[in-house]
Amino acid sequence: MQLLTVSEVSARLRLSRAAVYRLIANGSLRAVKIGRSRRVAEQDLYDFIQDLRSRSVSPAEGGQDAAEPL
């Protein structure tokens, strides 16, 4: 299992480091604390992305983002 730094996660997600820290703080992205540093397991990053993908259902599939009938 590989542990990623916040900077590495930030680069992979193309988000700021502050945004990654917010995701960790609010519990959306799991991380471990080693000393004063945070590390994210690659599997936890993968699970986070899969969770986001499962939440975003296209309007054609009848998700919450679907336009209401006129």
PDB file of N, CA and C in Angstrom:
ATOM      1  N   MET A   1       0.864  -1.181   0.000  1.00  0.00           N
ATOM      2  CA  MET A   1       0.000   0.000   0.000  1.00  0.00           C
ATOM      3  C   MET A   1       0.900   1.230   0.000  1.00  0.00           C
ATOM      4  N   GLN A   2       0.603   2.121  -0.929  1.00  0.00           N
ATOM      5  CA  GLN A   2       1.389   3.343  -1.015  1.00  0.00           C
ATOM      6  C   GLN A   2       0.631   4.489  -0.366  1.00  0.00           C
ATOM      7  N   LEU A   3       1.346   5.280   0.426  1.00  0.00           N
ATOM      8  CA  LEU A   3       0.769   6.469   1.045  1.00  0.00           C
ATOM      9  C   LEU A   3       1.189   7.697   0.255  1.00  0.00           C
ATOM     10  N   LEU A   4       0.225   8.556  -0.032  1.00  0.00           N
ATOM     11  CA  LEU A   4       0.469   9.762  -0.809  1.00  0.00           C
ATOM     12  C   LEU A   4       0.473  10.981   0.098  1.00  0.00           C
ATOM     13  N   THR A   5       1.299  11.952  -0.226  1.00  0.00           N
ATOM     14  CA  THR A   5       1.286  13.211   0.510  1.00  0.00           C
ATOM     15  C   THR A   5       0.095  14.042   0.043  1.00  0.00           C
ATOM     16  N   VAL A   6      -0.226  15.064   0.803  1.00  0.00           N
ATOM     17  CA  VAL A   6      -1.312  15.967   0.420  1.00  0.00           C
ATOM     18  C   VAL A   6      -0.984  16.631  -0.918  1.00  0.00           C
ATOM     19  N   SER A   7       0.267  16.963  -1.135  1.00  0.00           N
ATOM     20  CA  SER A   7       0.675  17.562  -2.412  1.00  0.00           C
ATOM     21  C   SER A   7       0.460  16.604  -3.579  1.00  0.00           C
ATOM     22  N   GLU A   8       0.757  15.330  -3.370  1.00  0.00           N
ATOM     23  CA  GLU A   8       0.547  14.336  -4.428  1.00  0.00           C
ATOM     24  C   GLU A   8      -0.937  14.158  -4.732  1.00  0.00           C
ATOM     25  N   VAL A   9      -1.749  14.109  -3.680  1.00  0.00           N
ATOM     26  CA  VAL A   9      -3.199  14.004  -3.869  1.00  0.00           C
ATOM     27  C   VAL A   9      -3.715  15.243  -4.582  1.00  0.00           C
ATOM     28  N   SER A  10      -3.227  16.387  -4.167  1.00  0.00           N
ATOM     29  CA  SER A  10      -3.608  17.654  -4.782  1.00  0.00           C
ATOM     30  C   SER A  10      -3.314  17.631  -6.286  1.00  0.00           C
ATOM     31  N   ALA A  11      -2.149  17.148  -6.661  1.00  0.00           N
ATOM     32  CA  ALA A  11      -1.765  17.087  -8.074  1.00  0.00           C
ATOM     33  C   ALA A  11      -2.639  16.112  -8.845  1.00  0.00           C
ATOM     34  N   ARG A  12      -2.940  14.967  -8.243  1.00  0.00           N
ATOM     35  CA  ARG A  12      -3.760  13.968  -8.930  1.00  0.00           C
ATOM     36  C   ARG A  12      -5.188  14.443  -9.134  1.00  0.00           C
ATOM     37  N   LEU A  13      -5.729  15.150  -8.142  1.00  0.00           N
ATOM     38  CA  LEU A  13      -7.106  15.638  -8.241  1.00  0.00           C
ATOM     39  C   LEU A  13      -7.193  17.007  -8.915  1.00  0.00           C
ATOM     40  N   ARG A  14      -6.040  17.632  -9.117  1.00  0.00           N
ATOM     41  CA  ARG A  14      -5.975  18.990  -9.667  1.00  0.00           C
ATOM     42  C   ARG A  14      -6.793  19.961  -8.809  1.00  0.00           C
ATOM     43  N   LEU A  15      -6.556  19.836  -7.506  1.00  0.00           N
ATOM     44  CA  LEU A  15      -7.153  20.721  -6.508  1.00  0.00           C
ATOM     45  C   LEU A  15      -6.026  21.383  -5.727  1.00  0.00           C
ATOM     46  N   SER A  16      -6.363  22.456  -5.041  1.00  0.00           N
ATOM     47  CA  SER A  16      -5.362  23.087  -4.185  1.00  0.00           C
ATOM     48  C   SER A  16      -5.102  22.202  -2.970  1.00  0.00           C
ATOM     49  N   ARG A  17      -3.959  22.413  -2.352  1.00  0.00           N
ATOM     50  CA  ARG A  17      -3.662  21.674  -1.115  1.00  0.00           C
ATOM     51  C   ARG A  17      -4.694  21.996  -0.050  1.00  0.00           C
ATOM     52  N   ALA A  18      -5.135  23.260   0.015  1.00  0.00           N
ATOM     53  CA  ALA A  18      -6.139  23.659   1.004  1.00  0.00           C
ATOM     54  C   ALA A  18      -7.436  22.887   0.788  1.00  0.00           C
ATOM     55  N   ALA A  19      -7.808  22.677  -0.452  1.00  0.00           N
ATOM     56  CA  ALA A  19      -9.038  21.926  -0.752  1.00  0.00           C
ATOM     57  C   ALA A  19      -8.906  20.480  -0.282  1.00  0.00           C
ATOM     58  N   VAL A  20      -7.728  19.892  -0.476  1.00  0.00           N
ATOM     59  CA  VAL A  20      -7.502  18.515  -0.027  1.00  0.00           C
ATOM     60  C   VAL A  20      -7.571  18.451   1.498  1.00  0.00           C
ATOM     61  N   TYR A  21      -6.962  19.424   2.176  1.00  0.00           N
ATOM     62  CA  TYR A  21      -7.050  19.455   3.643  1.00  0.00           C
ATOM     63  C   TYR A  21      -8.502  19.593   4.103  1.00  0.00           C
ATOM     64  N   ARG A  22      -9.314  20.370   3.388  1.00  0.00           N
ATOM     65  CA  ARG A  22     -10.735  20.495   3.746  1.00  0.00           C
ATOM     66  C   ARG A  22     -11.457  19.160   3.575  1.00  0.00           C
ATOM     67  N   LEU A  23     -11.176  18.446   2.495  1.00  0.00           N
ATOM     68  CA  LEU A  23     -11.788  17.135   2.277  1.00  0.00           C
ATOM     69  C   LEU A  23     -11.416  16.172   3.410  1.00  0.00           C
ATOM     70  N   ILE A  24     -10.182  16.246   3.858  1.00  0.00           N
ATOM     71  CA  ILE A  24      -9.741  15.397   4.963  1.00  0.00           C
ATOM     72  C   ILE A  24     -10.434  15.821   6.252  1.00  0.00           C
ATOM     73  N   ALA A  25     -10.482  17.128   6.507  1.00  0.00           N
ATOM     74  CA  ALA A  25     -11.073  17.637   7.750  1.00  0.00           C
ATOM     75  C   ALA A  25     -12.555  17.314   7.864  1.00  0.00           C
ATOM     76  N   ASN A  26     -13.279  17.362   6.745  1.00  0.00           N
ATOM     77  CA  ASN A  26     -14.723  17.095   6.833  1.00  0.00           C
ATOM     78  C   ASN A  26     -15.053  15.611   6.697  1.00  0.00           C
ATOM     79  N   GLY A  27     -14.025  14.773   6.576  1.00  0.00           N
ATOM     80  CA  GLY A  27     -14.235  13.329   6.561  1.00  0.00           C
ATOM     81  C   GLY A  27     -14.554  12.746   5.198  1.00  0.00           C
ATOM     82  N   SER A  28     -14.529  13.559   4.159  1.00  0.00           N
ATOM     83  CA  SER A  28     -14.817  13.055   2.818  1.00  0.00           C
ATOM     84  C   SER A  28     -13.691  12.180   2.279  1.00  0.00           C
ATOM     85  N   LEU A  29     -12.463  12.511   2.653  1.00  0.00           N
ATOM     86  CA  LEU A  29     -11.286  11.778   2.196  1.00  0.00           C
ATOM     87  C   LEU A  29     -10.542  11.272   3.422  1.00  0.00           C
ATOM     88  N   ARG A  30     -10.383   9.953   3.488  1.00  0.00           N
ATOM     89  CA  ARG A  30      -9.689   9.358   4.636  1.00  0.00           C
ATOM     90  C   ARG A  30      -8.199   9.610   4.550  1.00  0.00           C
ATOM     91  N   ALA A  31      -7.597   9.863   5.697  1.00  0.00           N
ATOM     92  CA  ALA A  31      -6.152  10.094   5.773  1.00  0.00           C
ATOM     93  C   ALA A  31      -5.659   9.622   7.125  1.00  0.00           C
ATOM     94  N   VAL A  32      -4.373   9.365   7.182  1.00  0.00           N
ATOM     95  CA  VAL A  32      -3.740   9.016   8.453  1.00  0.00           C
ATOM     96  C   VAL A  32      -2.775  10.130   8.812  1.00  0.00           C
ATOM     97  N   LYS A  33      -2.585  10.297  10.100  1.00  0.00           N
ATOM     98  CA  LYS A  33      -1.667  11.319  10.585  1.00  0.00           C
ATOM     99  C   LYS A  33      -0.398  10.622  11.041  1.00  0.00           C
ATOM    100  N   ILE A  34       0.711  11.061  10.494  1.00  0.00           N
ATOM    101  CA  ILE A  34       2.017  10.535  10.878  1.00  0.00           C
ATOM    102  C   ILE A  34       2.826  11.733  11.337  1.00  0.00           C
ATOM    103  N   GLY A  35       3.001  11.831  12.620  1.00  0.00           N
ATOM    104  CA  GLY A  35       3.650  13.025  13.175  1.00  0.00           C
ATOM    105  C   GLY A  35       2.748  14.226  12.920  1.00  0.00           C
ATOM    106  N   ARG A  36       3.273  15.221  12.230  1.00  0.00           N
ATOM    107  CA  ARG A  36       2.479  16.406  11.905  1.00  0.00           C
ATOM    108  C   ARG A  36       1.958  16.362  10.477  1.00  0.00           C
ATOM    109  N   SER A  37       2.250  15.272   9.773  1.00  0.00           N
ATOM    110  CA  SER A  37       1.876  15.149   8.361  1.00  0.00           C
ATOM    111  C   SER A  37       0.636  14.292   8.186  1.00  0.00           C
ATOM    112  N   ARG A  38      -0.034  14.514   7.075  1.00  0.00           N
ATOM    113  CA  ARG A  38      -1.171  13.686   6.687  1.00  0.00           C
ATOM    114  C   ARG A  38      -0.763  12.885   5.460  1.00  0.00           C
ATOM    115  N   ARG A  39      -1.222  11.640   5.405  1.00  0.00           N
ATOM    116  CA  ARG A  39      -0.986  10.790   4.252  1.00  0.00           C
ATOM    117  C   ARG A  39      -2.304  10.130   3.864  1.00  0.00           C
ATOM    118  N   VAL A  40      -2.484   9.948   2.569  1.00  0.00           N
ATOM    119  CA  VAL A  40      -3.699   9.326   2.044  1.00  0.00           C
ATOM    120  C   VAL A  40      -3.274   8.046   1.328  1.00  0.00           C
ATOM    121  N   ALA A  41      -3.884   6.935   1.720  1.00  0.00           N
ATOM    122  CA  ALA A  41      -3.601   5.672   1.040  1.00  0.00           C
ATOM    123  C   ALA A  41      -4.179   5.742  -0.373  1.00  0.00           C
ATOM    124  N   GLU A  42      -3.453   5.176  -1.340  1.00  0.00           N
ATOM    125  CA  GLU A  42      -3.936   5.181  -2.720  1.00  0.00           C
ATOM    126  C   GLU A  42      -5.335   4.585  -2.812  1.00  0.00           C
ATOM    127  N   GLN A  43      -5.598   3.532  -2.069  1.00  0.00           N
ATOM    128  CA  GLN A  43      -6.923   2.899  -2.102  1.00  0.00           C
ATOM    129  C   GLN A  43      -7.998   3.858  -1.595  1.00  0.00           C
ATOM    130  N   ASP A  44      -7.686   4.653  -0.568  1.00  0.00           N
ATOM    131  CA  ASP A  44      -8.653   5.621  -0.051  1.00  0.00           C
ATOM    132  C   ASP A  44      -8.935   6.716  -1.077  1.00  0.00           C
ATOM    133  N   LEU A  45      -7.917   7.115  -1.828  1.00  0.00           N
ATOM    134  CA  LEU A  45      -8.131   8.092  -2.896  1.00  0.00           C
ATOM    135  C   LEU A  45      -9.014   7.481  -3.979  1.00  0.00           C
ATOM    136  N   TYR A  46      -8.740   6.244  -4.349  1.00  0.00           N
ATOM    137  CA  TYR A  46      -9.547   5.534  -5.333  1.00  0.00           C
ATOM    138  C   TYR A  46     -10.998   5.431  -4.860  1.00  0.00           C
ATOM    139  N   ASP A  47     -11.193   5.047  -3.589  1.00  0.00           N
ATOM    140  CA  ASP A  47     -12.546   4.926  -3.034  1.00  0.00           C
ATOM    141  C   ASP A  47     -13.274   6.270  -3.042  1.00  0.00           C
ATOM    142  N   PHE A  48     -12.562   7.340  -2.732  1.00  0.00           N
ATOM    143  CA  PHE A  48     -13.133   8.689  -2.744  1.00  0.00           C
ATOM    144  C   PHE A  48     -13.635   9.033  -4.149  1.00  0.00           C
ATOM    145  N   ILE A  49     -12.818   8.754  -5.142  1.00  0.00           N
ATOM    146  CA  ILE A  49     -13.207   9.053  -6.526  1.00  0.00           C
ATOM    147  C   ILE A  49     -14.392   8.186  -6.944  1.00  0.00           C
ATOM    148  N   GLN A  50     -14.376   6.923  -6.588  1.00  0.00           N
ATOM    149  CA  GLN A  50     -15.500   6.030  -6.923  1.00  0.00           C
ATOM    150  C   GLN A  50     -16.789   6.518  -6.271  1.00  0.00           C
ATOM    151  N   ASP A  51     -16.694   6.981  -5.038  1.00  0.00           N
ATOM    152  CA  ASP A  51     -17.873   7.503  -4.339  1.00  0.00           C
ATOM    153  C   ASP A  51     -18.426   8.728  -5.064  1.00  0.00           C
ATOM    154  N   LEU A  52     -17.543   9.608  -5.515  1.00  0.00           N
ATOM    155  CA  LEU A  52     -17.981  10.783  -6.269  1.00  0.00           C
ATOM    156  C   LEU A  52     -18.657  10.370  -7.570  1.00  0.00           C
ATOM    157  N   ARG A  53     -18.090   9.389  -8.242  1.00  0.00           N
ATOM    158  CA  ARG A  53     -18.656   8.925  -9.507  1.00  0.00           C
ATOM    159  C   ARG A  53     -20.023   8.292  -9.298  1.00  0.00           C
ATOM    160  N   SER A  54     -20.200   7.573  -8.203  1.00  0.00           N
ATOM    161  CA  SER A  54     -21.491   6.921  -7.963  1.00  0.00           C
ATOM    162  C   SER A  54     -22.564   7.934  -7.585  1.00  0.00           C
ATOM    163  N   ARG A  55     -22.148   9.070  -7.036  1.00  0.00           N
ATOM    164  CA  ARG A  55     -23.103  10.125  -6.666  1.00  0.00           C
ATOM    165  C   ARG A  55     -23.548  10.939  -7.869  1.00  0.00           C
ATOM    166  N   SER A  56     -22.692  11.055  -8.858  1.00  0.00           N
ATOM    167  CA  SER A  56     -23.028  11.887 -10.013  1.00  0.00           C
ATOM    168  C   SER A  56     -23.630  11.013 -11.110  1.00  0.00           C
ATOM    169  N   VAL A  57     -24.944  10.963 -11.088  1.00  0.00           N
ATOM    170  CA  VAL A  57     -25.696  10.197 -12.066  1.00  0.00           C
ATOM    171  C   VAL A  57     -26.147  11.157 -13.144  1.00  0.00           C
ATOM    172  N   SER A  58     -26.016  10.745 -14.383  1.00  0.00           N
ATOM    173  CA  SER A  58     -26.399  11.644 -15.473  1.00  0.00           C
ATOM    174  C   SER A  58     -27.906  11.869 -15.472  1.00  0.00           C
ATOM    175  N   PRO A  59     -28.374  13.025 -15.970  1.00  0.00           N
ATOM    176  CA  PRO A  59     -29.810  13.310 -16.029  1.00  0.00           C
ATOM    177  C   PRO A  59     -30.578  12.248 -16.793  1.00  0.00           C
ATOM    178  N   ALA A  60     -29.979  11.643 -17.802  1.00  0.00           N
ATOM    179  CA  ALA A  60     -30.660  10.603 -18.575  1.00  0.00           C
ATOM    180  C   ALA A  60     -30.958   9.377 -17.723  1.00  0.00           C
ATOM    181  N   GLU A  61     -30.197   9.197 -16.650  1.00  0.00           N
ATOM    182  CA  GLU A  61     -30.401   8.051 -15.769  1.00  0.00           C
ATOM    183  C   GLU A  61     -31.370   8.366 -14.641  1.00  0.00           C
ATOM    184  N   GLY A  62     -31.901   9.574 -14.616  1.00  0.00           N
ATOM    185  CA  GLY A  62     -32.893   9.926 -13.609  1.00  0.00           C
ATOM    186  C   GLY A  62     -32.322  10.367 -12.288  1.00  0.00           C
ATOM    187  N   GLY A  63     -31.096  10.883 -12.288  1.00  0.00           N
ATOM    188  CA  GLY A  63     -30.474  11.336 -11.061  1.00  0.00           C
ATOM    189  C   GLY A  63     -31.070  12.648 -10.588  1.00  0.00           C
ATOM    190  N   GLN A  64     -30.582  13.152  -9.469  1.00  0.00           N
ATOM    191  CA  GLN A  64     -31.068  14.399  -8.911  1.00  0.00           C
ATOM    192  C   GLN A  64     -30.807  15.578  -9.832  1.00  0.00           C
ATOM    193  N   ASP A  65     -29.824  15.437 -10.708  1.00  0.00           N
ATOM    194  CA  ASP A  65     -29.485  16.529 -11.610  1.00  0.00           C
ATOM    195  C   ASP A  65     -30.415  16.595 -12.816  1.00  0.00           C
ATOM    196  N   ALA A  66     -31.322  15.645 -12.898  1.00  0.00           N
ATOM    197  CA  ALA A  66     -32.228  15.605 -14.034  1.00  0.00           C
ATOM    198  C   ALA A  66     -33.144  16.834 -14.018  1.00  0.00           C
ATOM    199  N   ALA A  67     -33.376  17.363 -15.187  1.00  0.00           N
ATOM    200  CA  ALA A  67     -34.272  18.527 -15.301  1.00  0.00           C
ATOM    201  C   ALA A  67     -35.700  18.089 -15.019  1.00  0.00           C
ATOM    202  N   GLU A  68     -36.422  18.914 -14.319  1.00  0.00           N
ATOM    203  CA  GLU A  68     -37.820  18.601 -14.035  1.00  0.00           C
ATOM    204  C   GLU A  68     -38.652  18.825 -15.288  1.00  0.00           C
ATOM    205  N   PRO A  69     -39.675  18.008 -15.484  1.00  0.00           N
ATOM    206  CA  PRO A  69     -40.514  18.167 -16.675  1.00  0.00           C
ATOM    207  C   PRO A  69     -41.197  19.533 -16.670  1.00  0.00           C
ATOM    208  N   LEU A  70     -41.365  20.104 -17.849  1.00  0.00           N
ATOM    209  CA  LEU A  70     -42.008  21.417 -17.972  1.00  0.00           C
ATOM    210  C   LEU A  70     -43.497  21.310 -18.020  1.00  0.00           C
TER     211      LEU A  70
END
